[in-house]
Amino acid sequence: MKTLLLLLLLGNLAMVGCEFVAGAATGALATGAGYEINAKRQMDRLDDDYRRERISRREYERRRSQIERGSIVY
């Protein structure tokens, strides 16, 4: 009886641990996606500013490198 109770307890703890890991992974993925969406918007605005000659080539390259350093996609 004690062995069965111990197995049930350990099984329950394992399930809770998996739920925590899955929740943490989902949260990390959502946060990462949010950062990448923001980087895409910044890059689009930067390209638009450069095309409309609002910023110089030097400023464009400087800001582009900042966005690339903070992004996985770019």
C-alpha atoms as a PDB file:
ATOM      1  CA  MET A   1       0.000   0.000   0.000  1.00  0.00           C
ATOM      2  CA  LYS A   2       2.819   2.405   0.899  1.00  0.00           C
ATOM      3  CA  THR A   3       4.594   1.628  -2.362  1.00  0.00           C
ATOM      4  CA  LEU A   4       1.482   2.357  -4.394  1.00  0.00           C
ATOM      5  CA  LEU A   5       0.945   5.626  -2.551  1.00  0.00           C
ATOM      6  CA  LEU A   6       4.576   6.614  -3.132  1.00  0.00           C
ATOM      7  CA  LEU A   7       4.305   5.845  -6.858  1.00  0.00           C
ATOM      8  CA  LEU A   8       1.144   7.928  -7.171  1.00  0.00           C
ATOM      9  CA  LEU A   9       2.782  10.831  -5.352  1.00  0.00           C
ATOM     10  CA  LEU A  10       5.894  10.713  -7.561  1.00  0.00           C
ATOM     11  CA  GLY A  11       3.759  10.476 -10.693  1.00  0.00           C
ATOM     12  CA  ASN A  12       1.788  13.523  -9.607  1.00  0.00           C
ATOM     13  CA  LEU A  13       4.973  15.518  -8.981  1.00  0.00           C
ATOM     14  CA  ALA A  14       6.316  14.567 -12.410  1.00  0.00           C
ATOM     15  CA  MET A  15       3.122  15.802 -14.087  1.00  0.00           C
ATOM     16  CA  VAL A  16       3.250  19.132 -12.252  1.00  0.00           C
ATOM     17  CA  GLY A  17       6.885  19.554 -13.273  1.00  0.00           C
ATOM     18  CA  CYS A  18       6.031  18.951 -16.933  1.00  0.00           C
ATOM     19  CA  GLU A  19       3.232  21.503 -16.801  1.00  0.00           C
ATOM     20  CA  PHE A  20       5.632  24.076 -15.365  1.00  0.00           C
ATOM     21  CA  VAL A  21       8.240  23.418 -18.062  1.00  0.00           C
ATOM     22  CA  ALA A  22       5.627  23.598 -20.832  1.00  0.00           C
ATOM     23  CA  GLY A  23       4.237  26.840 -19.418  1.00  0.00           C
ATOM     24  CA  ALA A  24       7.704  28.365 -19.126  1.00  0.00           C
ATOM     25  CA  ALA A  25       8.575  27.338 -22.685  1.00  0.00           C
ATOM     26  CA  THR A  26       5.342  28.833 -24.015  1.00  0.00           C
ATOM     27  CA  GLY A  27       5.987  32.080 -22.149  1.00  0.00           C
ATOM     28  CA  ALA A  28       9.541  32.305 -23.460  1.00  0.00           C
ATOM     29  CA  LEU A  29       8.354  31.663 -27.014  1.00  0.00           C
ATOM     30  CA  ALA A  30       5.676  34.346 -26.777  1.00  0.00           C
ATOM     31  CA  THR A  31       8.159  36.848 -25.344  1.00  0.00           C
ATOM     32  CA  GLY A  32      10.664  36.091 -28.091  1.00  0.00           C
ATOM     33  CA  ALA A  33       7.996  36.509 -30.747  1.00  0.00           C
ATOM     34  CA  GLY A  34       7.054  39.874 -29.265  1.00  0.00           C
ATOM     35  CA  TYR A  35      10.641  41.085 -29.488  1.00  0.00           C
ATOM     36  CA  GLU A  36      10.968  39.920 -33.092  1.00  0.00           C
ATOM     37  CA  ILE A  37       7.718  41.626 -34.112  1.00  0.00           C
ATOM     38  CA  ASN A  38       8.991  44.837 -32.535  1.00  0.00           C
ATOM     39  CA  ALA A  39      12.337  44.475 -34.354  1.00  0.00           C
ATOM     40  CA  LYS A  40      10.471  43.991 -37.667  1.00  0.00           C
ATOM     41  CA  ARG A  41       8.463  47.170 -37.094  1.00  0.00           C
ATOM     42  CA  GLN A  42      11.590  49.126 -36.206  1.00  0.00           C
ATOM     43  CA  MET A  43      13.378  47.841 -39.309  1.00  0.00           C
ATOM     44  CA  ASP A  44      10.401  48.765 -41.528  1.00  0.00           C
ATOM     45  CA  ARG A  45      10.314  52.282 -40.053  1.00  0.00           C
ATOM     46  CA  LEU A  46      14.051  52.613 -40.506  1.00  0.00           C
ATOM     47  CA  ASP A  47      13.873  51.526 -44.158  1.00  0.00           C
ATOM     48  CA  ASP A  48      11.039  53.977 -44.753  1.00  0.00           C
ATOM     49  CA  ASP A  49      12.978  56.844 -43.146  1.00  0.00           C
ATOM     50  CA  TYR A  50      16.009  56.078 -45.274  1.00  0.00           C
ATOM     51  CA  ARG A  51      13.992  55.805 -48.495  1.00  0.00           C
ATOM     52  CA  ARG A  52      12.330  59.160 -47.792  1.00  0.00           C
ATOM     53  CA  GLU A  53      15.763  60.655 -47.061  1.00  0.00           C
ATOM     54  CA  ARG A  54      14.903  61.569 -43.469  1.00  0.00           C
ATOM     55  CA  ILE A  55      18.153  60.026 -42.209  1.00  0.00           C
ATOM     56  CA  SER A  56      21.668  59.714 -43.629  1.00  0.00           C
ATOM     57  CA  ARG A  57      23.295  56.484 -44.780  1.00  0.00           C
ATOM     58  CA  ARG A  58      25.565  56.561 -41.736  1.00  0.00           C
ATOM     59  CA  GLU A  59      22.628  56.901 -39.326  1.00  0.00           C
ATOM     60  CA  TYR A  60      20.787  54.138 -41.214  1.00  0.00           C
ATOM     61  CA  GLU A  61      23.716  51.733 -40.864  1.00  0.00           C
ATOM     62  CA  ARG A  62      24.208  52.567 -37.171  1.00  0.00           C
ATOM     63  CA  ARG A  63      20.557  52.011 -36.262  1.00  0.00           C
ATOM     64  CA  ARG A  64      20.328  48.908 -38.438  1.00  0.00           C
ATOM     65  CA  SER A  65      23.275  47.309 -36.636  1.00  0.00           C
ATOM     66  CA  GLN A  66      21.596  48.057 -33.271  1.00  0.00           C
ATOM     67  CA  ILE A  67      18.416  46.331 -34.373  1.00  0.00           C
ATOM     68  CA  GLU A  68      20.380  43.348 -35.745  1.00  0.00           C
ATOM     69  CA  ARG A  69      22.291  42.892 -32.473  1.00  0.00           C
ATOM     70  CA  GLY A  70      19.032  42.660 -30.515  1.00  0.00           C
ATOM     71  CA  SER A  71      17.310  40.281 -32.915  1.00  0.00           C
ATOM     72  CA  ILE A  72      17.676  36.625 -33.761  1.00  0.00           C
ATOM     73  CA  VAL A  73      16.014  36.920 -37.180  1.00  0.00           C
ATOM     74  CA  TYR A  74      17.942  39.880 -38.601  1.00  0.00           C
END
